[in-house]
Each structure stands twice: as C-alpha cells, then as structure tokens.
C-alpha cells in the first residue's frame, strides 16, 4: 500500500460505531479516503512504521489494552518493537482505532471528531 499525502488513510473497524462515525468525518475532509478496514486489510510492517513515526509513538502504545483478547493473550508479555508490530499485524483488532493519516500527519481517533486534528497546522 502506498501512502499519498493527498489522500486521507483511515485504519478502522467498520463494525464499530466509532469507526463508522470517523469514516463519515473523514469523507468531509477529503474526497480521496483510502479506507483500510482492519479485519480485512493485511497491512505491512512498513505502513505500521510510517504510522508510528507520524504518531511519534511505539507499537505498544497503539494497543487497546482494554480488549479481552489483549487481556487474555498479550497482557504481561514483553516484546521488542518488531514483536509488537507482529502482534498488531496478526491481531488488528488490538489496534487502538481508528487511526487516520493525512498530509504528513497522523492521529489516533479516540473520538470521531479527533480526525479534525489533521486539519490544524
């Protein structure tokens, strides 16, 4: 997957209310929305590294620690950065989502309106 600055890339869960709402906001920001539905997309380590770099975050920071799958299968384990990336790739439902990237910026959308932070300078 190539990331273009002119398109808004949205990593989201189409089954979640927050994901649907964030997508709606994304479509008001840009006509070119690259929708990456987490359960259907096979994302490369490179795209995660780009995302992490833009967020200035570590892979572990993007984990949804409240998720039952995280609690039962991941909590308490210690991985290096590559290991955390592999956990997210194998279990994308553990990614805090939605995450949006646009024009060189990225934001974790804890609320759907957080995507509007991409418009600030």
PDB file of N, CA and C in Angstrom:
ATOM      1  N   UNK A   1       0.842  -1.178   0.000  1.00  0.00           N
ATOM      2  CA  UNK A   1       0.000   0.000   0.000  1.00  0.00           C
ATOM      3  C   UNK A   1       0.884   1.237   0.000  1.00  0.00           C
ATOM      4  N   UNK A   2       0.619   2.138  -0.902  1.00  0.00           N
ATOM      5  CA  UNK A   2       1.361   3.386  -0.980  1.00  0.00           C
ATOM      6  C   UNK A   2       0.550   4.466  -0.280  1.00  0.00           C
ATOM      7  N   UNK A   3       1.235   5.282   0.517  1.00  0.00           N
ATOM      8  CA  UNK A   3       0.565   6.374   1.228  1.00  0.00           C
ATOM      9  C   UNK A   3       0.855   7.670   0.491  1.00  0.00           C
ATOM     10  N   UNK A   4      -0.196   8.301   0.011  1.00  0.00           N
ATOM     11  CA  UNK A   4      -0.075   9.560  -0.707  1.00  0.00           C
ATOM     12  C   UNK A   4      -0.545  10.694   0.193  1.00  0.00           C
ATOM     13  N   UNK A   5       0.189  11.808   0.203  1.00  0.00           N
ATOM     14  CA  UNK A   5      -0.186  12.929   1.060  1.00  0.00           C
ATOM     15  C   UNK A   5      -1.558  13.510   0.706  1.00  0.00           C
ATOM     16  N   UNK A   6      -1.973  13.370  -0.557  1.00  0.00           N
ATOM     17  CA  UNK A   6      -3.248  13.973  -0.952  1.00  0.00           C
ATOM     18  C   UNK A   6      -4.458  13.137  -0.538  1.00  0.00           C
ATOM     19  N   UNK A   7      -4.213  11.905  -0.109  1.00  0.00           N
ATOM     20  CA  UNK A   7      -5.341  11.085   0.336  1.00  0.00           C
ATOM     21  C   UNK A   7      -5.312  10.915   1.855  1.00  0.00           C
ATOM     22  N   UNK A   8      -6.476  10.768   2.408  1.00  0.00           N
ATOM     23  CA  UNK A   8      -6.616  10.504   3.826  1.00  0.00           C
ATOM     24  C   UNK A   8      -6.693   8.990   3.986  1.00  0.00           C
ATOM     25  N   UNK A   9      -5.798   8.441   4.789  1.00  0.00           N
ATOM     26  CA  UNK A   9      -5.790   6.998   5.037  1.00  0.00           C
ATOM     27  C   UNK A   9      -6.426   6.775   6.400  1.00  0.00           C
ATOM     28  N   UNK A  10      -7.422   5.903   6.439  1.00  0.00           N
ATOM     29  CA  UNK A  10      -8.131   5.624   7.683  1.00  0.00           C
ATOM     30  C   UNK A  10      -8.080   4.136   7.982  1.00  0.00           C
ATOM     31  N   UNK A  11      -7.498   3.797   9.127  1.00  0.00           N
ATOM     32  CA  UNK A  11      -7.470   2.427   9.630  1.00  0.00           C
ATOM     33  C   UNK A  11      -8.591   2.343  10.657  1.00  0.00           C
ATOM     34  N   UNK A  12      -9.574   1.476  10.408  1.00  0.00           N
ATOM     35  CA  UNK A  12     -10.754   1.481  11.270  1.00  0.00           C
ATOM     36  C   UNK A  12     -11.451   0.122  11.265  1.00  0.00           C
ATOM     37  N   UNK A  13     -12.389  -0.025  12.183  1.00  0.00           N
ATOM     38  CA  UNK A  13     -13.231  -1.213  12.278  1.00  0.00           C
ATOM     39  C   UNK A  13     -14.622  -0.805  11.812  1.00  0.00           C
ATOM     40  N   UNK A  14     -15.039  -1.339  10.674  1.00  0.00           N
ATOM     41  CA  UNK A  14     -16.330  -0.931  10.109  1.00  0.00           C
ATOM     42  C   UNK A  14     -17.524  -1.402  10.944  1.00  0.00           C
ATOM     43  N   UNK A  15     -17.284  -2.304  11.882  1.00  0.00           N
ATOM     44  CA  UNK A  15     -18.358  -2.795  12.738  1.00  0.00           C
ATOM     45  C   UNK A  15     -18.601  -1.889  13.947  1.00  0.00           C
ATOM     46  N   UNK A  16     -17.640  -1.019  14.245  1.00  0.00           N
ATOM     47  CA  UNK A  16     -17.788  -0.178  15.432  1.00  0.00           C
ATOM     48  C   UNK A  16     -18.471   1.147  15.090  1.00  0.00           C
ATOM     49  N   UNK A  17     -19.231   1.647  16.027  1.00  0.00           N
ATOM     50  CA  UNK A  17     -19.898   2.928  15.864  1.00  0.00           C
ATOM     51  C   UNK A  17     -18.854   4.023  15.643  1.00  0.00           C
ATOM     52  N   UNK A  18     -17.798   3.995  16.442  1.00  0.00           N
ATOM     53  CA  UNK A  18     -16.737   4.993  16.331  1.00  0.00           C
ATOM     54  C   UNK A  18     -16.086   4.939  14.945  1.00  0.00           C
ATOM     55  N   UNK A  19     -15.862   3.746  14.435  1.00  0.00           N
ATOM     56  CA  UNK A  19     -15.276   3.595  13.107  1.00  0.00           C
ATOM     57  C   UNK A  19     -16.159   4.192  12.030  1.00  0.00           C
ATOM     58  N   UNK A  20     -17.445   3.917  12.092  1.00  0.00           N
ATOM     59  CA  UNK A  20     -18.390   4.451  11.107  1.00  0.00           C
ATOM     60  C   UNK A  20     -18.454   5.973  11.170  1.00  0.00           C
ATOM     61  N   UNK A  21     -18.500   6.513  12.387  1.00  0.00           N
ATOM     62  CA  UNK A  21     -18.571   7.961  12.559  1.00  0.00           C
ATOM     63  C   UNK A  21     -17.289   8.633  12.072  1.00  0.00           C
ATOM     64  N   UNK A  22     -16.157   8.042  12.396  1.00  0.00           N
ATOM     65  CA  UNK A  22     -14.879   8.618  11.970  1.00  0.00           C
ATOM     66  C   UNK A  22     -14.771   8.599  10.453  1.00  0.00           C
ATOM     67  N   UNK A  23     -15.230   7.526   9.826  1.00  0.00           N
ATOM     68  CA  UNK A  23     -15.250   7.462   8.366  1.00  0.00           C
ATOM     69  C   UNK A  23     -16.102   8.593   7.789  1.00  0.00           C
ATOM     70  N   UNK A  24     -17.232   8.854   8.388  1.00  0.00           N
ATOM     71  CA  UNK A  24     -18.096   9.938   7.905  1.00  0.00           C
ATOM     72  C   UNK A  24     -17.374  11.281   7.989  1.00  0.00           C
ATOM     73  N   UNK A  25     -16.683  11.539   9.089  1.00  0.00           N
ATOM     74  CA  UNK A  25     -15.900  12.770   9.208  1.00  0.00           C
ATOM     75  C   UNK A  25     -14.777  12.793   8.175  1.00  0.00           C
ATOM     76  N   UNK A  26     -14.113  11.665   7.983  1.00  0.00           N
ATOM     77  CA  UNK A  26     -13.014  11.591   7.019  1.00  0.00           C
ATOM     78  C   UNK A  26     -13.488  12.001   5.632  1.00  0.00           C
ATOM     79  N   UNK A  27     -14.678  11.573   5.263  1.00  0.00           N
ATOM     80  CA  UNK A  27     -15.205  11.880   3.943  1.00  0.00           C
ATOM     81  C   UNK A  27     -15.566  13.350   3.780  1.00  0.00           C
ATOM     82  N   UNK A  28     -15.691  14.085   4.895  1.00  0.00           N
ATOM     83  CA  UNK A  28     -15.910  15.527   4.795  1.00  0.00           C
ATOM     84  C   UNK A  28     -14.588  16.278   4.651  1.00  0.00           C
ATOM     85  N   UNK A  29     -13.497  15.644   5.070  1.00  0.00           N
ATOM     86  CA  UNK A  29     -12.171  16.267   4.998  1.00  0.00           C
ATOM     87  C   UNK A  29     -11.557  16.099   3.615  1.00  0.00           C
ATOM     88  N   UNK A  30     -11.717  14.916   3.035  1.00  0.00           N
ATOM     89  CA  UNK A  30     -11.068  14.612   1.763  1.00  0.00           C
ATOM     90  C   UNK A  30     -11.978  13.752   0.894  1.00  0.00           C
ATOM     91  N   UNK A  31     -11.958  14.040  -0.389  1.00  0.00           N
ATOM     92  CA  UNK A  31     -12.701  13.202  -1.327  1.00  0.00           C
ATOM     93  C   UNK A  31     -11.966  11.888  -1.563  1.00  0.00           C
ATOM     94  N   UNK A  32     -10.658  11.894  -1.313  1.00  0.00           N
ATOM     95  CA  UNK A  32      -9.829  10.701  -1.509  1.00  0.00           C
ATOM     96  C   UNK A  32      -9.551  10.061  -0.148  1.00  0.00           C
ATOM     97  N   UNK A  33     -10.421   9.138   0.257  1.00  0.00           N
ATOM     98  CA  UNK A  33     -10.252   8.425   1.522  1.00  0.00           C
ATOM     99  C   UNK A  33      -9.857   6.986   1.198  1.00  0.00           C
ATOM    100  N   UNK A  34      -8.688   6.609   1.655  1.00  0.00           N
ATOM    101  CA  UNK A  34      -8.189   5.243   1.489  1.00  0.00           C
ATOM    102  C   UNK A  34      -8.627   4.480   2.732  1.00  0.00           C
ATOM    103  N   UNK A  35      -9.716   3.728   2.618  1.00  0.00           N
ATOM    104  CA  UNK A  35     -10.302   3.014   3.754  1.00  0.00           C
ATOM    105  C   UNK A  35      -9.576   1.685   3.955  1.00  0.00           C
ATOM    106  N   UNK A  36      -9.005   1.516   5.128  1.00  0.00           N
ATOM    107  CA  UNK A  36      -8.315   0.285   5.485  1.00  0.00           C
ATOM    108  C   UNK A  36      -9.071  -0.347   6.652  1.00  0.00           C
ATOM    109  N   UNK A  37     -10.009  -1.207   6.322  1.00  0.00           N
ATOM    110  CA  UNK A  37     -10.805  -1.884   7.332  1.00  0.00           C
ATOM    111  C   UNK A  37      -9.905  -2.931   7.982  1.00  0.00           C
ATOM    112  N   UNK A  38      -9.703  -2.823   9.273  1.00  0.00           N
ATOM    113  CA  UNK A  38      -8.687  -3.611   9.970  1.00  0.00           C
ATOM    114  C   UNK A  38      -8.874  -5.118   9.870  1.00  0.00           C
ATOM    115  N   UNK A  39     -10.094  -5.597   9.870  1.00  0.00           N
ATOM    116  CA  UNK A  39     -10.290  -7.046   9.821  1.00  0.00           C
ATOM    117  C   UNK A  39     -10.098  -7.604   8.411  1.00  0.00           C
ATOM    118  N   UNK A  40     -10.081  -6.732   7.403  1.00  0.00           N
ATOM    119  CA  UNK A  40      -9.961  -7.194   6.029  1.00  0.00           C
ATOM    120  C   UNK A  40      -8.637  -6.826   5.370  1.00  0.00           C
ATOM    121  N   UNK A  41      -7.879  -5.929   5.973  1.00  0.00           N
ATOM    122  CA  UNK A  41      -6.633  -5.461   5.380  1.00  0.00           C
ATOM    123  C   UNK A  41      -5.449  -6.217   5.962  1.00  0.00           C
ATOM    124  N   UNK A  42      -4.533  -6.563   5.108  1.00  0.00           N
ATOM    125  CA  UNK A  42      -3.277  -7.155   5.546  1.00  0.00           C
ATOM    126  C   UNK A  42      -2.219  -6.068   5.413  1.00  0.00           C
ATOM    127  N   UNK A  43      -1.946  -5.401   6.519  1.00  0.00           N
ATOM    128  CA  UNK A  43      -1.053  -4.259   6.476  1.00  0.00           C
ATOM    129  C   UNK A  43       0.387  -4.670   6.728  1.00  0.00           C
ATOM    130  N   UNK A  44       1.271  -4.075   5.994  1.00  0.00           N
ATOM    131  CA  UNK A  44       2.687  -4.419   6.085  1.00  0.00           C
ATOM    132  C   UNK A  44       3.339  -3.748   7.284  1.00  0.00           C
ATOM    133  N   UNK A  45       4.466  -4.293   7.734  1.00  0.00           N
ATOM    134  CA  UNK A  45       5.213  -3.636   8.815  1.00  0.00           C
ATOM    135  C   UNK A  45       5.631  -2.216   8.420  1.00  0.00           C
ATOM    136  N   UNK A  46       5.862  -2.003   7.140  1.00  0.00           N
ATOM    137  CA  UNK A  46       6.276  -0.671   6.683  1.00  0.00           C
ATOM    138  C   UNK A  46       5.200   0.364   6.950  1.00  0.00           C
ATOM    139  N   UNK A  47       3.946   0.042   6.653  1.00  0.00           N
ATOM    140  CA  UNK A  47       2.869   1.014   6.884  1.00  0.00           C
ATOM    141  C   UNK A  47       2.704   1.291   8.372  1.00  0.00           C
ATOM    142  N   UNK A  48       2.880   0.258   9.204  1.00  0.00           N
ATOM    143  CA  UNK A  48       2.814   0.491  10.648  1.00  0.00           C
ATOM    144  C   UNK A  48       3.959   1.375  11.109  1.00  0.00           C
ATOM    145  N   UNK A  49       5.136   1.185  10.539  1.00  0.00           N
ATOM    146  CA  UNK A  49       6.279   2.023  10.916  1.00  0.00           C
ATOM    147  C   UNK A  49       6.053   3.467  10.497  1.00  0.00           C
ATOM    148  N   UNK A  50       5.469   3.672   9.326  1.00  0.00           N
ATOM    149  CA  UNK A  50       5.130   5.030   8.885  1.00  0.00           C
ATOM    150  C   UNK A  50       4.135   5.644   9.859  1.00  0.00           C
ATOM    151  N   UNK A  51       3.101   4.877  10.211  1.00  0.00           N
ATOM    152  CA  UNK A  51       2.088   5.352  11.140  1.00  0.00           C
ATOM    153  C   UNK A  51       2.709   5.716  12.488  1.00  0.00           C
ATOM    154  N   UNK A  52       3.537   4.832  13.013  1.00  0.00           N
ATOM    155  CA  UNK A  52       4.180   5.075  14.308  1.00  0.00           C
ATOM    156  C   UNK A  52       5.072   6.307  14.259  1.00  0.00           C
ATOM    157  N   UNK A  53       5.803   6.456  13.172  1.00  0.00           N
ATOM    158  CA  UNK A  53       6.667   7.618  13.025  1.00  0.00           C
ATOM    159  C   UNK A  53       5.850   8.904  13.033  1.00  0.00           C
ATOM    160  N   UNK A  54       4.746   8.911  12.297  1.00  0.00           N
ATOM    161  CA  UNK A  54       3.897  10.107  12.239  1.00  0.00           C
ATOM    162  C   UNK A  54       3.207  10.382  13.577  1.00  0.00           C
ATOM    163  N   UNK A  55       2.911   9.327  14.325  1.00  0.00           N
ATOM    164  CA  UNK A  55       2.289   9.486  15.639  1.00  0.00           C
ATOM    165  C   UNK A  55       3.313   9.772  16.730  1.00  0.00           C
ATOM    166  N   UNK A  56       4.595   9.583  16.406  1.00  0.00           N
ATOM    167  CA  UNK A  56       5.672   9.659  17.388  1.00  0.00           C
ATOM    168  C   UNK A  56       5.350   8.737  18.572  1.00  0.00           C
ATOM    169  N   UNK A  57       5.073   7.479  18.229  1.00  0.00           N
ATOM    170  CA  UNK A  57       4.645   6.503  19.228  1.00  0.00           C
ATOM    171  C   UNK A  57       5.377   5.182  19.016  1.00  0.00           C
ATOM    172  N   UNK A  58       5.294   4.337  19.990  1.00  0.00           N
ATOM    173  CA  UNK A  58       5.800   2.968  19.912  1.00  0.00           C
ATOM    174  C   UNK A  58       4.605   2.062  19.618  1.00  0.00           C
ATOM    175  N   UNK A  59       4.871   0.901  19.039  1.00  0.00           N
ATOM    176  CA  UNK A  59       3.799  -0.030  18.684  1.00  0.00           C
ATOM    177  C   UNK A  59       2.953  -0.401  19.905  1.00  0.00           C
ATOM    178  N   UNK A  60       3.596  -0.600  21.032  1.00  0.00           N
ATOM    179  CA  UNK A  60       2.861  -0.965  22.252  1.00  0.00           C
ATOM    180  C   UNK A  60       1.847   0.116  22.638  1.00  0.00           C
ATOM    181  N   UNK A  61       2.162   1.381  22.326  1.00  0.00           N
ATOM    182  CA  UNK A  61       1.263   2.493  22.643  1.00  0.00           C
ATOM    183  C   UNK A  61      -0.050   2.415  21.866  1.00  0.00           C
ATOM    184  N   UNK A  62      -0.055   1.688  20.752  1.00  0.00           N
ATOM    185  CA  UNK A  62      -1.256   1.594  19.915  1.00  0.00           C
ATOM    186  C   UNK A  62      -2.153   0.419  20.282  1.00  0.00           C
ATOM    187  N   UNK A  63      -1.772  -0.319  21.304  1.00  0.00           N
ATOM    188  CA  UNK A  63      -2.547  -1.489  21.705  1.00  0.00           C
ATOM    189  C   UNK A  63      -3.764  -1.068  22.533  1.00  0.00           C
ATOM    190  N   UNK A  64      -4.896  -1.692  22.252  1.00  0.00           N
ATOM    191  CA  UNK A  64      -6.111  -1.490  23.031  1.00  0.00           C
ATOM    192  C   UNK A  64      -6.048  -2.442  24.214  1.00  0.00           C
ATOM    193  N   UNK A  65      -5.535  -1.945  25.322  1.00  0.00           N
ATOM    194  CA  UNK A  65      -5.303  -2.783  26.496  1.00  0.00           C
ATOM    195  C   UNK A  65      -6.596  -3.204  27.194  1.00  0.00           C
ATOM    196  N   UNK A  66      -7.714  -2.581  26.833  1.00  0.00           N
ATOM    197  CA  UNK A  66      -8.999  -2.956  27.422  1.00  0.00           C
ATOM    198  C   UNK A  66      -9.639  -4.140  26.700  1.00  0.00           C
ATOM    199  N   UNK A  67      -9.148  -4.463  25.522  1.00  0.00           N
ATOM    200  CA  UNK A  67      -9.700  -5.565  24.739  1.00  0.00           C
ATOM    201  C   UNK A  67      -9.515  -6.891  25.471  1.00  0.00           C
ATOM    202  N   UNK A  68     -10.543  -7.718  25.459  1.00  0.00           N
ATOM    203  CA  UNK A  68     -10.482  -9.017  26.144  1.00  0.00           C
ATOM    204  C   UNK A  68      -9.379  -9.902  25.580  1.00  0.00           C
ATOM    205  N   UNK A  69      -9.165  -9.845  24.278  1.00  0.00           N
ATOM    206  CA  UNK A  69      -8.108 -10.628  23.642  1.00  0.00           C
ATOM    207  C   UNK A  69      -6.730 -10.188  24.151  1.00  0.00           C
ATOM    208  N   UNK A  70      -6.550  -8.879  24.314  1.00  0.00           N
ATOM    209  CA  UNK A  70      -5.293  -8.372  24.866  1.00  0.00           C
ATOM    210  C   UNK A  70      -5.122  -8.895  26.298  1.00  0.00           C
ATOM    211  N   UNK A  71      -6.174  -8.771  27.082  1.00  0.00           N
ATOM    212  CA  UNK A  71      -6.111  -9.182  28.489  1.00  0.00           C
ATOM    213  C   UNK A  71      -5.759 -10.652  28.638  1.00  0.00           C
ATOM    214  N   UNK A  72      -6.341 -11.500  27.801  1.00  0.00           N
ATOM    215  CA  UNK A  72      -6.125 -12.939  27.965  1.00  0.00           C
ATOM    216  C   UNK A  72      -4.893 -13.469  27.240  1.00  0.00           C
ATOM    217  N   UNK A  73      -4.443 -12.811  26.187  1.00  0.00           N
ATOM    218  CA  UNK A  73      -3.355 -13.366  25.383  1.00  0.00           C
ATOM    219  C   UNK A  73      -2.067 -12.543  25.321  1.00  0.00           C
ATOM    220  N   UNK A  74      -2.142 -11.257  25.626  1.00  0.00           N
ATOM    221  CA  UNK A  74      -0.977 -10.404  25.423  1.00  0.00           C
ATOM    222  C   UNK A  74      -0.488  -9.752  26.720  1.00  0.00           C
ATOM    223  N   UNK A  75      -1.392  -9.413  27.594  1.00  0.00           N
ATOM    224  CA  UNK A  75      -1.029  -8.707  28.826  1.00  0.00           C
ATOM    225  C   UNK A  75       0.099  -9.423  29.562  1.00  0.00           C
ATOM    226  N   UNK A  76       1.049  -8.639  30.004  1.00  0.00           N
ATOM    227  CA  UNK A  76       2.165  -9.181  30.768  1.00  0.00           C
ATOM    228  C   UNK A  76       3.313  -9.683  29.931  1.00  0.00           C
ATOM    229  N   UNK A  77       3.127  -9.761  28.624  1.00  0.00           N
ATOM    230  CA  UNK A  77       4.204 -10.228  27.748  1.00  0.00           C
ATOM    231  C   UNK A  77       5.067  -9.035  27.350  1.00  0.00           C
ATOM    232  N   UNK A  78       6.324  -9.322  27.138  1.00  0.00           N
ATOM    233  CA  UNK A  78       7.261  -8.267  26.779  1.00  0.00           C
ATOM    234  C   UNK A  78       7.851  -8.573  25.408  1.00  0.00           C
ATOM    235  N   UNK A  79       7.579  -7.702  24.446  1.00  0.00           N
ATOM    236  CA  UNK A  79       8.084  -7.864  23.093  1.00  0.00           C
ATOM    237  C   UNK A  79       8.980  -6.683  22.753  1.00  0.00           C
ATOM    238  N   UNK A  80       9.881  -6.883  21.804  1.00  0.00           N
ATOM    239  CA  UNK A  80      10.606  -5.747  21.257  1.00  0.00           C
ATOM    240  C   UNK A  80       9.661  -5.055  20.265  1.00  0.00           C
ATOM    241  N   UNK A  81      10.118  -3.954  19.680  1.00  0.00           N
ATOM    242  CA  UNK A  81       9.256  -3.179  18.778  1.00  0.00           C
ATOM    243  C   UNK A  81       8.742  -4.026  17.612  1.00  0.00           C
ATOM    244  N   UNK A  82       9.604  -4.832  17.038  1.00  0.00           N
ATOM    245  CA  UNK A  82       9.200  -5.696  15.922  1.00  0.00           C
ATOM    246  C   UNK A  82       8.146  -6.708  16.378  1.00  0.00           C
ATOM    247  N   UNK A  83       8.305  -7.212  17.596  1.00  0.00           N
ATOM    248  CA  UNK A  83       7.331  -8.156  18.152  1.00  0.00           C
ATOM    249  C   UNK A  83       5.959  -7.533  18.324  1.00  0.00           C
ATOM    250  N   UNK A  84       5.925  -6.286  18.825  1.00  0.00           N
ATOM    251  CA  UNK A  84       4.638  -5.593  18.975  1.00  0.00           C
ATOM    252  C   UNK A  84       4.001  -5.353  17.615  1.00  0.00           C
ATOM    253  N   UNK A  85       4.810  -5.015  16.623  1.00  0.00           N
ATOM    254  CA  UNK A  85       4.276  -4.830  15.271  1.00  0.00           C
ATOM    255  C   UNK A  85       3.655  -6.122  14.759  1.00  0.00           C
ATOM    256  N   UNK A  86       4.297  -7.234  15.035  1.00  0.00           N
ATOM    257  CA  UNK A  86       3.749  -8.525  14.610  1.00  0.00           C
ATOM    258  C   UNK A  86       2.448  -8.858  15.326  1.00  0.00           C
ATOM    259  N   UNK A  87       2.345  -8.502  16.603  1.00  0.00           N
ATOM    260  CA  UNK A  87       1.092  -8.731  17.337  1.00  0.00           C
ATOM    261  C   UNK A  87      -0.033  -7.956  16.667  1.00  0.00           C
ATOM    262  N   UNK A  88       0.212  -6.685  16.344  1.00  0.00           N
ATOM    263  CA  UNK A  88      -0.823  -5.858  15.710  1.00  0.00           C
ATOM    264  C   UNK A  88      -1.178  -6.399  14.328  1.00  0.00           C
ATOM    265  N   UNK A  89      -0.172  -6.843  13.566  1.00  0.00           N
ATOM    266  CA  UNK A  89      -0.445  -7.378  12.236  1.00  0.00           C
ATOM    267  C   UNK A  89      -1.291  -8.644  12.306  1.00  0.00           C
ATOM    268  N   UNK A  90      -1.011  -9.501  13.290  1.00  0.00           N
ATOM    269  CA  UNK A  90      -1.748 -10.768  13.408  1.00  0.00           C
ATOM    270  C   UNK A  90      -3.110 -10.579  14.060  1.00  0.00           C
ATOM    271  N   UNK A  91      -3.213  -9.571  14.912  1.00  0.00           N
ATOM    272  CA  UNK A  91      -4.467  -9.304  15.623  1.00  0.00           C
ATOM    273  C   UNK A  91      -4.806  -7.818  15.504  1.00  0.00           C
ATOM    274  N   UNK A  92      -5.239  -7.376  14.314  1.00  0.00           N
ATOM    275  CA  UNK A  92      -5.503  -5.948  14.113  1.00  0.00           C
ATOM    276  C   UNK A  92      -6.608  -5.403  15.004  1.00  0.00           C
ATOM    277  N   UNK A  93      -7.438  -6.294  15.548  1.00  0.00           N
ATOM    278  CA  UNK A  93      -8.482  -5.837  16.467  1.00  0.00           C
ATOM    279  C   UNK A  93      -7.886  -5.237  17.741  1.00  0.00           C
ATOM    280  N   UNK A  94      -6.611  -5.490  18.009  1.00  0.00           N
ATOM    281  CA  UNK A  94      -5.968  -4.948  19.200  1.00  0.00           C
ATOM    282  C   UNK A  94      -5.438  -3.535  18.995  1.00  0.00           C
ATOM    283  N   UNK A  95      -5.505  -3.039  17.771  1.00  0.00           N
ATOM    284  CA  UNK A  95      -5.049  -1.687  17.485  1.00  0.00           C
ATOM    285  C   UNK A  95      -6.079  -0.689  17.987  1.00  0.00           C
ATOM    286  N   UNK A  96      -5.595   0.316  18.730  1.00  0.00           N
ATOM    287  CA  UNK A  96      -6.494   1.411  19.071  1.00  0.00           C
ATOM    288  C   UNK A  96      -6.920   2.005  17.745  1.00  0.00           C
ATOM    289  N   UNK A  97      -8.174   2.068  17.550  1.00  0.00           N
ATOM    290  CA  UNK A  97      -8.610   2.581  16.261  1.00  0.00           C
ATOM    291  C   UNK A  97      -9.816   3.458  16.435  1.00  0.00           C
ATOM    292  N   UNK A  98     -10.119   4.207  15.484  1.00  0.00           N
ATOM    293  CA  UNK A  98      -9.467   4.396  14.203  1.00  0.00           C
ATOM    294  C   UNK A  98      -8.177   5.220  14.328  1.00  0.00           C
ATOM    295  N   UNK A  99      -7.325   5.057  13.338  1.00  0.00           N
ATOM    296  CA  UNK A  99      -6.126   5.870  13.178  1.00  0.00           C
ATOM    297  C   UNK A  99      -6.199   6.463  11.787  1.00  0.00           C
ATOM    298  N   UNK A 100      -5.936   7.768  11.704  1.00  0.00           N
ATOM    299  CA  UNK A 100      -6.014   8.451  10.413  1.00  0.00           C
ATOM    300  C   UNK A 100      -4.682   9.127  10.102  1.00  0.00           C
ATOM    301  N   UNK A 101      -4.330   9.128   8.807  1.00  0.00           N
ATOM    302  CA  UNK A 101      -3.133   9.823   8.330  1.00  0.00           C
ATOM    303  C   UNK A 101      -3.535  10.701   7.149  1.00  0.00           C
ATOM    304  N   UNK A 102      -3.006  11.928   7.166  1.00  0.00           N
ATOM    305  CA  UNK A 102      -3.340  12.866   6.092  1.00  0.00           C
ATOM    306  C   UNK A 102      -2.312  13.981   6.062  1.00  0.00           C
ATOM    307  N   UNK A 103      -1.789  14.252   4.890  1.00  0.00           N
ATOM    308  CA  UNK A 103      -0.847  15.350   4.666  1.00  0.00           C
ATOM    309  C   UNK A 103       0.296  15.362   5.674  1.00  0.00           C
ATOM    310  N   UNK A 104       0.911  14.205   5.869  1.00  0.00           N
ATOM    311  CA  UNK A 104       2.086  14.120   6.727  1.00  0.00           C
ATOM    312  C   UNK A 104       1.805  14.037   8.215  1.00  0.00           C
ATOM    313  N   UNK A 105       0.549  13.985   8.587  1.00  0.00           N
ATOM    314  CA  UNK A 105       0.173  13.904   9.998  1.00  0.00           C
ATOM    315  C   UNK A 105      -0.581  12.601  10.260  1.00  0.00           C
ATOM    316  N   UNK A 106      -0.636  12.224  11.522  1.00  0.00           N
ATOM    317  CA  UNK A 106      -1.430  11.062  11.923  1.00  0.00           C
ATOM    318  C   UNK A 106      -2.051  11.354  13.279  1.00  0.00           C
ATOM    319  N   UNK A 107      -3.198  10.723  13.514  1.00  0.00           N
ATOM    320  CA  UNK A 107      -3.887  10.905  14.789  1.00  0.00           C
ATOM    321  C   UNK A 107      -4.649   9.635  15.137  1.00  0.00           C
ATOM    322  N   UNK A 108      -4.614   9.291  16.427  1.00  0.00           N
ATOM    323  CA  UNK A 108      -5.473   8.224  16.936  1.00  0.00           C
ATOM    324  C   UNK A 108      -6.811   8.881  17.247  1.00  0.00           C
ATOM    325  N   UNK A 109      -7.873   8.367  16.680  1.00  0.00           N
ATOM    326  CA  UNK A 109      -9.197   8.978  16.833  1.00  0.00           C
ATOM    327  C   UNK A 109      -9.941   8.327  17.999  1.00  0.00           C
ATOM    328  N   UNK A 110      -9.633   8.782  19.208  1.00  0.00           N
ATOM    329  CA  UNK A 110     -10.332   8.266  20.384  1.00  0.00           C
ATOM    330  C   UNK A 110     -11.809   8.625  20.331  1.00  0.00           C
ATOM    331  N   UNK A 111     -12.106   9.755  19.702  1.00  0.00           N
ATOM    332  CA  UNK A 111     -13.482  10.138  19.388  1.00  0.00           C
ATOM    333  C   UNK A 111     -13.509  10.452  17.894  1.00  0.00           C
ATOM    334  N   UNK A 112     -14.641  10.303  17.242  1.00  0.00           N
ATOM    335  CA  UNK A 112     -14.688  10.564  15.797  1.00  0.00           C
ATOM    336  C   UNK A 112     -14.203  11.957  15.399  1.00  0.00           C
ATOM    337  N   UNK A 113     -14.457  12.956  16.238  1.00  0.00           N
ATOM    338  CA  UNK A 113     -14.042  14.320  15.889  1.00  0.00           C
ATOM    339  C   UNK A 113     -12.536  14.535  16.014  1.00  0.00           C
ATOM    340  N   UNK A 114     -11.819  13.603  16.630  1.00  0.00           N
ATOM    341  CA  UNK A 114     -10.356  13.729  16.717  1.00  0.00           C
ATOM    342  C   UNK A 114      -9.720  13.783  15.337  1.00  0.00           C
ATOM    343  N   UNK A 115     -10.392  13.247  14.331  1.00  0.00           N
ATOM    344  CA  UNK A 115      -9.850  13.280  12.975  1.00  0.00           C
ATOM    345  C   UNK A 115      -9.673  14.705  12.480  1.00  0.00           C
ATOM    346  N   UNK A 116     -10.438  15.624  13.024  1.00  0.00           N
ATOM    347  CA  UNK A 116     -10.345  17.031  12.628  1.00  0.00           C
ATOM    348  C   UNK A 116      -9.007  17.640  13.036  1.00  0.00           C
ATOM    349  N   UNK A 117      -8.280  16.996  13.956  1.00  0.00           N
ATOM    350  CA  UNK A 117      -6.951  17.469  14.348  1.00  0.00           C
ATOM    351  C   UNK A 117      -5.988  17.431  13.180  1.00  0.00           C
ATOM    352  N   UNK A 118      -6.295  16.637  12.170  1.00  0.00           N
ATOM    353  CA  UNK A 118      -5.440  16.561  10.982  1.00  0.00           C
ATOM    354  C   UNK A 118      -5.464  17.855  10.176  1.00  0.00           C
ATOM    355  N   UNK A 119      -6.457  18.701  10.425  1.00  0.00           N
ATOM    356  CA  UNK A 119      -6.608  19.941   9.678  1.00  0.00           C
ATOM    357  C   UNK A 119      -5.861  21.097  10.312  1.00  0.00           C
ATOM    358  N   UNK A 120      -5.417  20.948  11.558  1.00  0.00           N
ATOM    359  CA  UNK A 120      -4.705  22.035  12.238  1.00  0.00           C
ATOM    360  C   UNK A 120      -3.257  22.057  11.785  1.00  0.00           C
ATOM    361  N   UNK A 121      -2.674  23.204  11.837  1.00  0.00           N
ATOM    362  CA  UNK A 121      -1.275  23.350  11.373  1.00  0.00           C
ATOM    363  C   UNK A 121      -0.309  22.912  12.406  1.00  0.00           C
TER     364      UNK A 121
END
